[in-house]
Amino acid sequence: MEITFSNKKLEKLANDYRKCQKEFGQIRARLYNKRLLDLKNAVSLEDVRTLPGNYHELVGNRKGQWACDLDQPYRLIFEPHENPIPTDEHGKYIWLEIKGVEVIEIIE
């Protein structure tokens, strides 16, 4: 799956493990890189749905975004490249048709 970043800092941290470790600490840096690798190796978002990390859709004012767990209480937030996001006849997102994501932020 294609991964892009909403800002240069997140991209830099993804590409420089030492810098990432200095910024986030060893545990969060390892999990950040693991989650990104899981996303990169996936063909679609459906492929990560059952992996460790609790990949899930967000609701409310974050509808259209997804999250996965890092070290508690931190989560990695991302959204699909597809616009509009593919949905079925019931309005549920079709994870299988999402082939790329943009990493937005890491939040508590």
PDB file of N, CA and C in Angstrom:
ATOM      1  N   MET A   1       0.848  -1.165   0.000  1.00  0.00           N
ATOM      2  CA  MET A   1       0.000   0.000   0.000  1.00  0.00           C
ATOM      3  C   MET A   1       0.903   1.241   0.000  1.00  0.00           C
ATOM      4  N   GLU A   2       0.460   2.259  -0.681  1.00  0.00           N
ATOM      5  CA  GLU A   2       1.213   3.514  -0.726  1.00  0.00           C
ATOM      6  C   GLU A   2       0.941   4.315   0.555  1.00  0.00           C
ATOM      7  N   ILE A   3       2.021   4.867   1.136  1.00  0.00           N
ATOM      8  CA  ILE A   3       1.891   5.681   2.343  1.00  0.00           C
ATOM      9  C   ILE A   3       2.492   7.053   2.074  1.00  0.00           C
ATOM     10  N   THR A   4       1.734   8.090   2.398  1.00  0.00           N
ATOM     11  CA  THR A   4       2.243   9.454   2.343  1.00  0.00           C
ATOM     12  C   THR A   4       2.098  10.056   3.743  1.00  0.00           C
ATOM     13  N   PHE A   5       2.661  11.228   3.925  1.00  0.00           N
ATOM     14  CA  PHE A   5       2.652  11.869   5.233  1.00  0.00           C
ATOM     15  C   PHE A   5       2.131  13.291   5.115  1.00  0.00           C
ATOM     16  N   SER A   6       1.378  13.722   6.123  1.00  0.00           N
ATOM     17  CA  SER A   6       0.798  15.066   6.094  1.00  0.00           C
ATOM     18  C   SER A   6       1.824  16.145   6.384  1.00  0.00           C
ATOM     19  N   ASN A   7       2.968  15.747   6.971  1.00  0.00           N
ATOM     20  CA  ASN A   7       4.020  16.735   7.216  1.00  0.00           C
ATOM     21  C   ASN A   7       5.396  16.076   7.142  1.00  0.00           C
ATOM     22  N   LYS A   8       6.397  16.902   6.951  1.00  0.00           N
ATOM     23  CA  LYS A   8       7.772  16.423   6.769  1.00  0.00           C
ATOM     24  C   LYS A   8       8.318  15.758   8.029  1.00  0.00           C
ATOM     25  N   LYS A   9       7.883  16.224   9.203  1.00  0.00           N
ATOM     26  CA  LYS A   9       8.400  15.665  10.458  1.00  0.00           C
ATOM     27  C   LYS A   9       8.051  14.183  10.580  1.00  0.00           C
ATOM     28  N   LEU A  10       6.788  13.824  10.335  1.00  0.00           N
ATOM     29  CA  LEU A  10       6.379  12.424  10.421  1.00  0.00           C
ATOM     30  C   LEU A  10       7.121  11.565   9.393  1.00  0.00           C
ATOM     31  N   GLU A  11       7.329  12.120   8.218  1.00  0.00           N
ATOM     32  CA  GLU A  11       8.054  11.393   7.166  1.00  0.00           C
ATOM     33  C   GLU A  11       9.516  11.199   7.557  1.00  0.00           C
ATOM     34  N   LYS A  12      10.122  12.233   8.099  1.00  0.00           N
ATOM     35  CA  LYS A  12      11.514  12.160   8.529  1.00  0.00           C
ATOM     36  C   LYS A  12      11.694  11.114   9.633  1.00  0.00           C
ATOM     37  N   LEU A  13      10.767  11.114  10.588  1.00  0.00           N
ATOM     38  CA  LEU A  13      10.842  10.150  11.688  1.00  0.00           C
ATOM     39  C   LEU A  13      10.637   8.720  11.182  1.00  0.00           C
ATOM     40  N   ALA A  14       9.845   8.557  10.149  1.00  0.00           N
ATOM     41  CA  ALA A  14       9.623   7.231   9.567  1.00  0.00           C
ATOM     42  C   ALA A  14      10.865   6.724   8.843  1.00  0.00           C
ATOM     43  N   ASN A  15      11.668   7.640   8.336  1.00  0.00           N
ATOM     44  CA  ASN A  15      12.842   7.259   7.548  1.00  0.00           C
ATOM     45  C   ASN A  15      14.150   7.286   8.330  1.00  0.00           C
ATOM     46  N   ASP A  16      14.134   7.770   9.558  1.00  0.00           N
ATOM     47  CA  ASP A  16      15.344   7.848  10.376  1.00  0.00           C
ATOM     48  C   ASP A  16      15.033   7.292  11.761  1.00  0.00           C
ATOM     49  N   TYR A  17      15.325   6.000  11.957  1.00  0.00           N
ATOM     50  CA  TYR A  17      14.946   5.324  13.192  1.00  0.00           C
ATOM     51  C   TYR A  17      15.608   5.954  14.417  1.00  0.00           C
ATOM     52  N   ARG A  18      16.852   6.369  14.295  1.00  0.00           N
ATOM     53  CA  ARG A  18      17.553   6.980  15.439  1.00  0.00           C
ATOM     54  C   ARG A  18      16.874   8.277  15.868  1.00  0.00           C
ATOM     55  N   LYS A  19      16.493   9.068  14.891  1.00  0.00           N
ATOM     56  CA  LYS A  19      15.789  10.323  15.186  1.00  0.00           C
ATOM     57  C   LYS A  19      14.412  10.022  15.794  1.00  0.00           C
ATOM     58  N   CYS A  20      13.749   9.018  15.266  1.00  0.00           N
ATOM     59  CA  CYS A  20      12.442   8.608  15.758  1.00  0.00           C
ATOM     60  C   CYS A  20      12.550   8.148  17.213  1.00  0.00           C
ATOM     61  N   GLN A  21      13.567   7.376  17.515  1.00  0.00           N
ATOM     62  CA  GLN A  21      13.785   6.878  18.859  1.00  0.00           C
ATOM     63  C   GLN A  21      14.058   8.028  19.834  1.00  0.00           C
ATOM     64  N   LYS A  22      14.816   9.005  19.374  1.00  0.00           N
ATOM     65  CA  LYS A  22      15.129  10.162  20.213  1.00  0.00           C
ATOM     66  C   LYS A  22      13.862  10.985  20.496  1.00  0.00           C
ATOM     67  N   GLU A  23      12.999  11.111  19.493  1.00  0.00           N
ATOM     68  CA  GLU A  23      11.764  11.891  19.616  1.00  0.00           C
ATOM     69  C   GLU A  23      10.698  11.174  20.449  1.00  0.00           C
ATOM     70  N   PHE A  24      10.504   9.867  20.197  1.00  0.00           N
ATOM     71  CA  PHE A  24       9.388   9.128  20.778  1.00  0.00           C
ATOM     72  C   PHE A  24       9.771   8.157  21.891  1.00  0.00           C
ATOM     73  N   GLY A  25      11.036   7.813  21.991  1.00  0.00           N
ATOM     74  CA  GLY A  25      11.435   6.754  22.903  1.00  0.00           C
ATOM     75  C   GLY A  25      11.442   5.422  22.165  1.00  0.00           C
ATOM     76  N   GLN A  26      12.097   4.444  22.748  1.00  0.00           N
ATOM     77  CA  GLN A  26      12.310   3.173  22.066  1.00  0.00           C
ATOM     78  C   GLN A  26      11.010   2.430  21.741  1.00  0.00           C
ATOM     79  N   ILE A  27      10.105   2.353  22.683  1.00  0.00           N
ATOM     80  CA  ILE A  27       8.884   1.564  22.479  1.00  0.00           C
ATOM     81  C   ILE A  27       8.004   2.176  21.392  1.00  0.00           C
ATOM     82  N   ARG A  28       7.708   3.482  21.480  1.00  0.00           N
ATOM     83  CA  ARG A  28       6.836   4.122  20.494  1.00  0.00           C
ATOM     84  C   ARG A  28       7.486   4.153  19.113  1.00  0.00           C
ATOM     85  N   ALA A  29       8.800   4.365  19.057  1.00  0.00           N
ATOM     86  CA  ALA A  29       9.508   4.374  17.776  1.00  0.00           C
ATOM     87  C   ALA A  29       9.404   3.009  17.100  1.00  0.00           C
ATOM     88  N   ARG A  30       9.584   1.944  17.885  1.00  0.00           N
ATOM     89  CA  ARG A  30       9.495   0.598  17.329  1.00  0.00           C
ATOM     90  C   ARG A  30       8.082   0.323  16.811  1.00  0.00           C
ATOM     91  N   LEU A  31       7.073   0.696  17.592  1.00  0.00           N
ATOM     92  CA  LEU A  31       5.686   0.459  17.178  1.00  0.00           C
ATOM     93  C   LEU A  31       5.298   1.327  15.976  1.00  0.00           C
ATOM     94  N   TYR A  32       5.755   2.576  15.929  1.00  0.00           N
ATOM     95  CA  TYR A  32       5.488   3.463  14.789  1.00  0.00           C
ATOM     96  C   TYR A  32       6.026   2.821  13.512  1.00  0.00           C
ATOM     97  N   ASN A  33       7.263   2.375  13.562  1.00  0.00           N
ATOM     98  CA  ASN A  33       7.868   1.747  12.389  1.00  0.00           C
ATOM     99  C   ASN A  33       7.197   0.427  12.043  1.00  0.00           C
ATOM    100  N   LYS A  34       6.782  -0.344  13.041  1.00  0.00           N
ATOM    101  CA  LYS A  34       6.082  -1.612  12.797  1.00  0.00           C
ATOM    102  C   LYS A  34       4.738  -1.372  12.111  1.00  0.00           C
ATOM    103  N   ARG A  35       3.968  -0.396  12.609  1.00  0.00           N
ATOM    104  CA  ARG A  35       2.661  -0.102  12.008  1.00  0.00           C
ATOM    105  C   ARG A  35       2.832   0.387  10.568  1.00  0.00           C
ATOM    106  N   LEU A  36       3.834   1.235  10.329  1.00  0.00           N
ATOM    107  CA  LEU A  36       4.075   1.719   8.966  1.00  0.00           C
ATOM    108  C   LEU A  36       4.480   0.568   8.045  1.00  0.00           C
ATOM    109  N   LEU A  37       5.291  -0.350   8.548  1.00  0.00           N
ATOM    110  CA  LEU A  37       5.697  -1.506   7.745  1.00  0.00           C
ATOM    111  C   LEU A  37       4.493  -2.401   7.442  1.00  0.00           C
ATOM    112  N   ASP A  38       3.624  -2.591   8.443  1.00  0.00           N
ATOM    113  CA  ASP A  38       2.405  -3.376   8.210  1.00  0.00           C
ATOM    114  C   ASP A  38       1.558  -2.739   7.112  1.00  0.00           C
ATOM    115  N   LEU A  39       1.392  -1.424   7.165  1.00  0.00           N
ATOM    116  CA  LEU A  39       0.608  -0.715   6.138  1.00  0.00           C
ATOM    117  C   LEU A  39       1.279  -0.816   4.773  1.00  0.00           C
ATOM    118  N   LYS A  40       2.588  -0.627   4.743  1.00  0.00           N
ATOM    119  CA  LYS A  40       3.323  -0.679   3.475  1.00  0.00           C
ATOM    120  C   LYS A  40       3.232  -2.058   2.822  1.00  0.00           C
ATOM    121  N   ASN A  41       3.284  -3.112   3.630  1.00  0.00           N
ATOM    122  CA  ASN A  41       3.241  -4.477   3.101  1.00  0.00           C
ATOM    123  C   ASN A  41       1.836  -4.933   2.717  1.00  0.00           C
ATOM    124  N   ALA A  42       0.837  -4.192   3.126  1.00  0.00           N
ATOM    125  CA  ALA A  42      -0.551  -4.548   2.813  1.00  0.00           C
ATOM    126  C   ALA A  42      -0.903  -4.137   1.386  1.00  0.00           C
ATOM    127  N   VAL A  43      -1.764  -4.903   0.761  1.00  0.00           N
ATOM    128  CA  VAL A  43      -2.279  -4.544  -0.559  1.00  0.00           C
ATOM    129  C   VAL A  43      -3.424  -3.544  -0.392  1.00  0.00           C
ATOM    130  N   SER A  44      -4.240  -3.786   0.629  1.00  0.00           N
ATOM    131  CA  SER A  44      -5.347  -2.883   0.938  1.00  0.00           C
ATOM    132  C   SER A  44      -5.465  -2.763   2.456  1.00  0.00           C
ATOM    133  N   LEU A  45      -6.284  -1.845   2.904  1.00  0.00           N
ATOM    134  CA  LEU A  45      -6.472  -1.644   4.340  1.00  0.00           C
ATOM    135  C   LEU A  45      -7.046  -2.895   5.007  1.00  0.00           C
ATOM    136  N   GLU A  46      -7.788  -3.682   4.252  1.00  0.00           N
ATOM    137  CA  GLU A  46      -8.358  -4.934   4.780  1.00  0.00           C
ATOM    138  C   GLU A  46      -7.265  -5.863   5.313  1.00  0.00           C
ATOM    139  N   ASP A  47      -6.081  -5.835   4.715  1.00  0.00           N
ATOM    140  CA  ASP A  47      -4.989  -6.724   5.114  1.00  0.00           C
ATOM    141  C   ASP A  47      -4.464  -6.454   6.521  1.00  0.00           C
ATOM    142  N   VAL A  48      -4.657  -5.258   7.051  1.00  0.00           N
ATOM    143  CA  VAL A  48      -4.156  -4.943   8.393  1.00  0.00           C
ATOM    144  C   VAL A  48      -5.249  -5.034   9.454  1.00  0.00           C
ATOM    145  N   ARG A  49      -6.446  -5.224   9.015  1.00  0.00           N
ATOM    146  CA  ARG A  49      -7.602  -5.189   9.924  1.00  0.00           C
ATOM    147  C   ARG A  49      -7.461  -6.134  11.111  1.00  0.00           C
ATOM    148  N   THR A  50      -6.896  -7.306  10.912  1.00  0.00           N
ATOM    149  CA  THR A  50      -6.791  -8.297  11.978  1.00  0.00           C
ATOM    150  C   THR A  50      -5.393  -8.374  12.595  1.00  0.00           C
ATOM    151  N   LEU A  51      -4.483  -7.520  12.163  1.00  0.00           N
ATOM    152  CA  LEU A  51      -3.136  -7.518  12.735  1.00  0.00           C
ATOM    153  C   LEU A  51      -3.140  -6.856  14.110  1.00  0.00           C
ATOM    154  N   PRO A  52      -2.120  -7.137  14.929  1.00  0.00           N
ATOM    155  CA  PRO A  52      -2.013  -6.423  16.203  1.00  0.00           C
ATOM    156  C   PRO A  52      -1.936  -4.918  15.949  1.00  0.00           C
ATOM    157  N   GLY A  53      -2.513  -4.148  16.837  1.00  0.00           N
ATOM    158  CA  GLY A  53      -2.508  -2.696  16.672  1.00  0.00           C
ATOM    159  C   GLY A  53      -3.899  -2.116  16.687  1.00  0.00           C
ATOM    160  N   ASN A  54      -4.921  -2.977  16.647  1.00  0.00           N
ATOM    161  CA  ASN A  54      -6.305  -2.510  16.736  1.00  0.00           C
ATOM    162  C   ASN A  54      -6.623  -1.441  15.688  1.00  0.00           C
ATOM    163  N   TYR A  55      -6.452  -1.756  14.422  1.00  0.00           N
ATOM    164  CA  TYR A  55      -6.792  -0.840  13.335  1.00  0.00           C
ATOM    165  C   TYR A  55      -8.306  -0.653  13.321  1.00  0.00           C
ATOM    166  N   HIS A  56      -8.742   0.598  13.372  1.00  0.00           N
ATOM    167  CA  HIS A  56     -10.188   0.840  13.447  1.00  0.00           C
ATOM    168  C   HIS A  56     -10.559   2.192  12.848  1.00  0.00           C
ATOM    169  N   GLU A  57     -11.824   2.277  12.421  1.00  0.00           N
ATOM    170  CA  GLU A  57     -12.382   3.516  11.890  1.00  0.00           C
ATOM    171  C   GLU A  57     -12.688   4.452  13.059  1.00  0.00           C
ATOM    172  N   LEU A  58     -12.538   5.737  12.818  1.00  0.00           N
ATOM    173  CA  LEU A  58     -12.895   6.723  13.830  1.00  0.00           C
ATOM    174  C   LEU A  58     -14.294   7.255  13.528  1.00  0.00           C
ATOM    175  N   VAL A  59     -14.899   7.870  14.506  1.00  0.00           N
ATOM    176  CA  VAL A  59     -16.269   8.370  14.374  1.00  0.00           C
ATOM    177  C   VAL A  59     -16.333   9.844  14.771  1.00  0.00           C
ATOM    178  N   GLY A  60     -17.524  10.401  14.678  1.00  0.00           N
ATOM    179  CA  GLY A  60     -17.733  11.800  15.072  1.00  0.00           C
ATOM    180  C   GLY A  60     -17.009  12.755  14.145  1.00  0.00           C
ATOM    181  N   ASN A  61     -16.293  13.733  14.724  1.00  0.00           N
ATOM    182  CA  ASN A  61     -15.605  14.724  13.894  1.00  0.00           C
ATOM    183  C   ASN A  61     -14.364  14.150  13.216  1.00  0.00           C
ATOM    184  N   ARG A  62     -14.035  12.902  13.502  1.00  0.00           N
ATOM    185  CA  ARG A  62     -12.902  12.231  12.845  1.00  0.00           C
ATOM    186  C   ARG A  62     -13.375  11.157  11.868  1.00  0.00           C
ATOM    187  N   LYS A  63     -14.659  11.151  11.529  1.00  0.00           N
ATOM    188  CA  LYS A  63     -15.188  10.176  10.568  1.00  0.00           C
ATOM    189  C   LYS A  63     -14.417  10.324   9.253  1.00  0.00           C
ATOM    190  N   GLY A  64     -14.031   9.207   8.673  1.00  0.00           N
ATOM    191  CA  GLY A  64     -13.230   9.222   7.450  1.00  0.00           C
ATOM    192  C   GLY A  64     -11.750   9.047   7.741  1.00  0.00           C
ATOM    193  N   GLN A  65     -11.415   8.944   9.012  1.00  0.00           N
ATOM    194  CA  GLN A  65     -10.039   8.682   9.419  1.00  0.00           C
ATOM    195  C   GLN A  65     -10.000   7.342  10.146  1.00  0.00           C
ATOM    196  N   TRP A  66      -8.809   6.760  10.202  1.00  0.00           N
ATOM    197  CA  TRP A  66      -8.575   5.501  10.890  1.00  0.00           C
ATOM    198  C   TRP A  66      -7.485   5.721  11.930  1.00  0.00           C
ATOM    199  N   ALA A  67      -7.383   4.785  12.869  1.00  0.00           N
ATOM    200  CA  ALA A  67      -6.334   4.835  13.888  1.00  0.00           C
ATOM    201  C   ALA A  67      -5.839   3.424  14.160  1.00  0.00           C
ATOM    202  N   CYS A  68      -4.619   3.352  14.682  1.00  0.00           N
ATOM    203  CA  CYS A  68      -4.089   2.106  15.221  1.00  0.00           C
ATOM    204  C   CYS A  68      -3.289   2.468  16.462  1.00  0.00           C
ATOM    205  N   ASP A  69      -3.206   1.531  17.375  1.00  0.00           N
ATOM    206  CA  ASP A  69      -2.547   1.779  18.646  1.00  0.00           C
ATOM    207  C   ASP A  69      -1.035   1.743  18.520  1.00  0.00           C
ATOM    208  N   LEU A  70      -0.405   2.645  19.258  1.00  0.00           N
ATOM    209  CA  LEU A  70       1.038   2.583  19.481  1.00  0.00           C
ATOM    210  C   LEU A  70       1.160   2.150  20.942  1.00  0.00           C
ATOM    211  N   ASP A  71       1.956   2.847  21.750  1.00  0.00           N
ATOM    212  CA  ASP A  71       1.960   2.550  23.178  1.00  0.00           C
ATOM    213  C   ASP A  71       0.900   3.434  23.829  1.00  0.00           C
ATOM    214  N   GLN A  72       0.117   2.866  24.716  1.00  0.00           N
ATOM    215  CA  GLN A  72      -0.991   3.612  25.321  1.00  0.00           C
ATOM    216  C   GLN A  72      -0.481   4.849  26.029  1.00  0.00           C
ATOM    217  N   PRO A  73      -1.118   5.986  25.873  1.00  0.00           N
ATOM    218  CA  PRO A  73      -2.393   6.225  25.198  1.00  0.00           C
ATOM    219  C   PRO A  73      -2.216   6.726  23.761  1.00  0.00           C
ATOM    220  N   TYR A  74      -1.072   6.516  23.137  1.00  0.00           N
ATOM    221  CA  TYR A  74      -0.784   7.087  21.817  1.00  0.00           C
ATOM    222  C   TYR A  74      -1.354   6.240  20.686  1.00  0.00           C
ATOM    223  N   ARG A  75      -1.845   6.949  19.640  1.00  0.00           N
ATOM    224  CA  ARG A  75      -2.395   6.296  18.450  1.00  0.00           C
ATOM    225  C   ARG A  75      -1.875   6.994  17.205  1.00  0.00           C
ATOM    226  N   LEU A  76      -1.729   6.225  16.148  1.00  0.00           N
ATOM    227  CA  LEU A  76      -1.352   6.732  14.835  1.00  0.00           C
ATOM    228  C   LEU A  76      -2.639   6.971  14.058  1.00  0.00           C
ATOM    229  N   ILE A  77      -2.826   8.191  13.553  1.00  0.00           N
ATOM    230  CA  ILE A  77      -4.040   8.565  12.819  1.00  0.00           C
ATOM    231  C   ILE A  77      -3.699   8.682  11.330  1.00  0.00           C
ATOM    232  N   PHE A  78      -4.540   8.095  10.488  1.00  0.00           N
ATOM    233  CA  PHE A  78      -4.331   8.171   9.037  1.00  0.00           C
ATOM    234  C   PHE A  78      -5.668   8.193   8.326  1.00  0.00           C
ATOM    235  N   GLU A  79      -5.618   8.624   7.057  1.00  0.00           N
ATOM    236  CA  GLU A  79      -6.837   8.625   6.250  1.00  0.00           C
ATOM    237  C   GLU A  79      -6.530   8.098   4.860  1.00  0.00           C
ATOM    238  N   PRO A  80      -7.531   7.532   4.196  1.00  0.00           N
ATOM    239  CA  PRO A  80      -7.337   6.953   2.867  1.00  0.00           C
ATOM    240  C   PRO A  80      -7.030   8.013   1.811  1.00  0.00           C
ATOM    241  N   HIS A  81      -6.285   7.605   0.795  1.00  0.00           N
ATOM    242  CA  HIS A  81      -6.045   8.470  -0.365  1.00  0.00           C
ATOM    243  C   HIS A  81      -7.308   8.600  -1.211  1.00  0.00           C
ATOM    244  N   GLU A  82      -8.131   7.555  -1.215  1.00  0.00           N
ATOM    245  CA  GLU A  82      -9.333   7.542  -2.057  1.00  0.00           C
ATOM    246  C   GLU A  82     -10.291   8.666  -1.656  1.00  0.00           C
ATOM    247  N   ASN A  83     -10.756   9.376  -2.667  1.00  0.00           N
ATOM    248  CA  ASN A  83     -11.700  10.463  -2.421  1.00  0.00           C
ATOM    249  C   ASN A  83     -12.755  10.420  -3.520  1.00  0.00           C
ATOM    250  N   PRO A  84     -13.985  10.076  -3.235  1.00  0.00           N
ATOM    251  CA  PRO A  84     -14.525   9.752  -1.912  1.00  0.00           C
ATOM    252  C   PRO A  84     -14.078   8.367  -1.460  1.00  0.00           C
ATOM    253  N   ILE A  85     -14.162   8.137  -0.158  1.00  0.00           N
ATOM    254  CA  ILE A  85     -13.818   6.835   0.406  1.00  0.00           C
ATOM    255  C   ILE A  85     -14.882   5.834  -0.032  1.00  0.00           C
ATOM    256  N   PRO A  86     -14.471   4.673  -0.582  1.00  0.00           N
ATOM    257  CA  PRO A  86     -15.445   3.681  -1.062  1.00  0.00           C
ATOM    258  C   PRO A  86     -16.369   3.189   0.055  1.00  0.00           C
ATOM    259  N   THR A  87     -17.661   3.174  -0.235  1.00  0.00           N
ATOM    260  CA  THR A  87     -18.646   2.680   0.734  1.00  0.00           C
ATOM    261  C   THR A  87     -19.572   1.684   0.054  1.00  0.00           C
ATOM    262  N   ASP A  88     -20.204   0.835   0.866  1.00  0.00           N
ATOM    263  CA  ASP A  88     -21.194  -0.098   0.337  1.00  0.00           C
ATOM    264  C   ASP A  88     -22.576   0.556   0.382  1.00  0.00           C
ATOM    265  N   GLU A  89     -23.612  -0.202   0.043  1.00  0.00           N
ATOM    266  CA  GLU A  89     -24.971   0.353  -0.016  1.00  0.00           C
ATOM    267  C   GLU A  89     -25.510   0.764   1.358  1.00  0.00           C
ATOM    268  N   HIS A  90     -24.844   0.309   2.435  1.00  0.00           N
ATOM    269  CA  HIS A  90     -25.263   0.672   3.790  1.00  0.00           C
ATOM    270  C   HIS A  90     -24.436   1.822   4.362  1.00  0.00           C
ATOM    271  N   GLY A  91     -23.526   2.369   3.551  1.00  0.00           N
ATOM    272  CA  GLY A  91     -22.696   3.481   4.001  1.00  0.00           C
ATOM    273  C   GLY A  91     -21.447   3.077   4.769  1.00  0.00           C
ATOM    274  N   LYS A  92     -21.183   1.763   4.850  1.00  0.00           N
ATOM    275  CA  LYS A  92     -19.978   1.296   5.539  1.00  0.00           C
ATOM    276  C   LYS A  92     -18.791   1.386   4.593  1.00  0.00           C
ATOM    277  N   TYR A  93     -17.644   1.763   5.152  1.00  0.00           N
ATOM    278  CA  TYR A  93     -16.436   1.849   4.337  1.00  0.00           C
ATOM    279  C   TYR A  93     -15.999   0.462   3.879  1.00  0.00           C
ATOM    280  N   ILE A  94     -15.503   0.384   2.643  1.00  0.00           N
ATOM    281  CA  ILE A  94     -15.021  -0.876   2.078  1.00  0.00           C
ATOM    282  C   ILE A  94     -13.500  -0.891   2.209  1.00  0.00           C
ATOM    283  N   TRP A  95     -13.015  -1.508   3.264  1.00  0.00           N
ATOM    284  CA  TRP A  95     -11.588  -1.548   3.572  1.00  0.00           C
ATOM    285  C   TRP A  95     -10.788  -2.167   2.421  1.00  0.00           C
ATOM    286  N   LEU A  96     -11.373  -3.129   1.728  1.00  0.00           N
ATOM    287  CA  LEU A  96     -10.704  -3.847   0.645  1.00  0.00           C
ATOM    288  C   LEU A  96     -10.343  -2.930  -0.528  1.00  0.00           C
ATOM    289  N   GLU A  97     -11.073  -1.838  -0.704  1.00  0.00           N
ATOM    290  CA  GLU A  97     -10.843  -0.942  -1.836  1.00  0.00           C
ATOM    291  C   GLU A  97      -9.923   0.232  -1.493  1.00  0.00           C
ATOM    292  N   ILE A  98      -9.437   0.294  -0.267  1.00  0.00           N
ATOM    293  CA  ILE A  98      -8.525   1.375   0.145  1.00  0.00           C
ATOM    294  C   ILE A  98      -7.103   0.893  -0.062  1.00  0.00           C
ATOM    295  N   LYS A  99      -6.407   1.523  -1.006  1.00  0.00           N
ATOM    296  CA  LYS A  99      -5.080   1.052  -1.433  1.00  0.00           C
ATOM    297  C   LYS A  99      -3.940   1.992  -1.051  1.00  0.00           C
ATOM    298  N   GLY A 100      -4.236   3.071  -0.354  1.00  0.00           N
ATOM    299  CA  GLY A 100      -3.201   4.000   0.063  1.00  0.00           C
ATOM    300  C   GLY A 100      -3.707   4.871   1.208  1.00  0.00           C
ATOM    301  N   VAL A 101      -2.782   5.296   2.083  1.00  0.00           N
ATOM    302  CA  VAL A 101      -3.155   6.124   3.219  1.00  0.00           C
ATOM    303  C   VAL A 101      -2.169   7.274   3.412  1.00  0.00           C
ATOM    304  N   GLU A 102      -2.663   8.313   4.038  1.00  0.00           N
ATOM    305  CA  GLU A 102      -1.810   9.423   4.438  1.00  0.00           C
ATOM    306  C   GLU A 102      -1.762   9.470   5.953  1.00  0.00           C
ATOM    307  N   VAL A 103      -0.565   9.416   6.514  1.00  0.00           N
ATOM    308  CA  VAL A 103      -0.388   9.506   7.958  1.00  0.00           C
ATOM    309  C   VAL A 103      -0.592  10.969   8.352  1.00  0.00           C
ATOM    310  N   ILE A 104      -1.525  11.213   9.265  1.00  0.00           N
ATOM    311  CA  ILE A 104      -1.906  12.561   9.664  1.00  0.00           C
ATOM    312  C   ILE A 104      -1.165  13.022  10.902  1.00  0.00           C
ATOM    313  N   GLU A 105      -1.212  12.192  11.962  1.00  0.00           N
ATOM    314  CA  GLU A 105      -0.597  12.605  13.222  1.00  0.00           C
ATOM    315  C   GLU A 105      -0.527  11.437  14.196  1.00  0.00           C
ATOM    316  N   ILE A 106       0.190  11.691  15.269  1.00  0.00           N
ATOM    317  CA  ILE A 106       0.221  10.787  16.412  1.00  0.00           C
ATOM    318  C   ILE A 106      -0.381  11.582  17.564  1.00  0.00           C
ATOM    319  N   ILE A 107      -1.410  11.002  18.192  1.00  0.00           N
ATOM    320  CA  ILE A 107      -2.102  11.718  19.263  1.00  0.00           C
ATOM    321  C   ILE A 107      -2.184  10.863  20.523  1.00  0.00           C
ATOM    322  N   GLU A 108      -2.472  11.541  21.635  1.00  0.00           N
ATOM    323  CA  GLU A 108      -2.724  10.833  22.906  1.00  0.00           C
ATOM    324  C   GLU A 108      -4.190  10.508  22.991  1.00  0.00           C
TER     325      GLU A 108
END
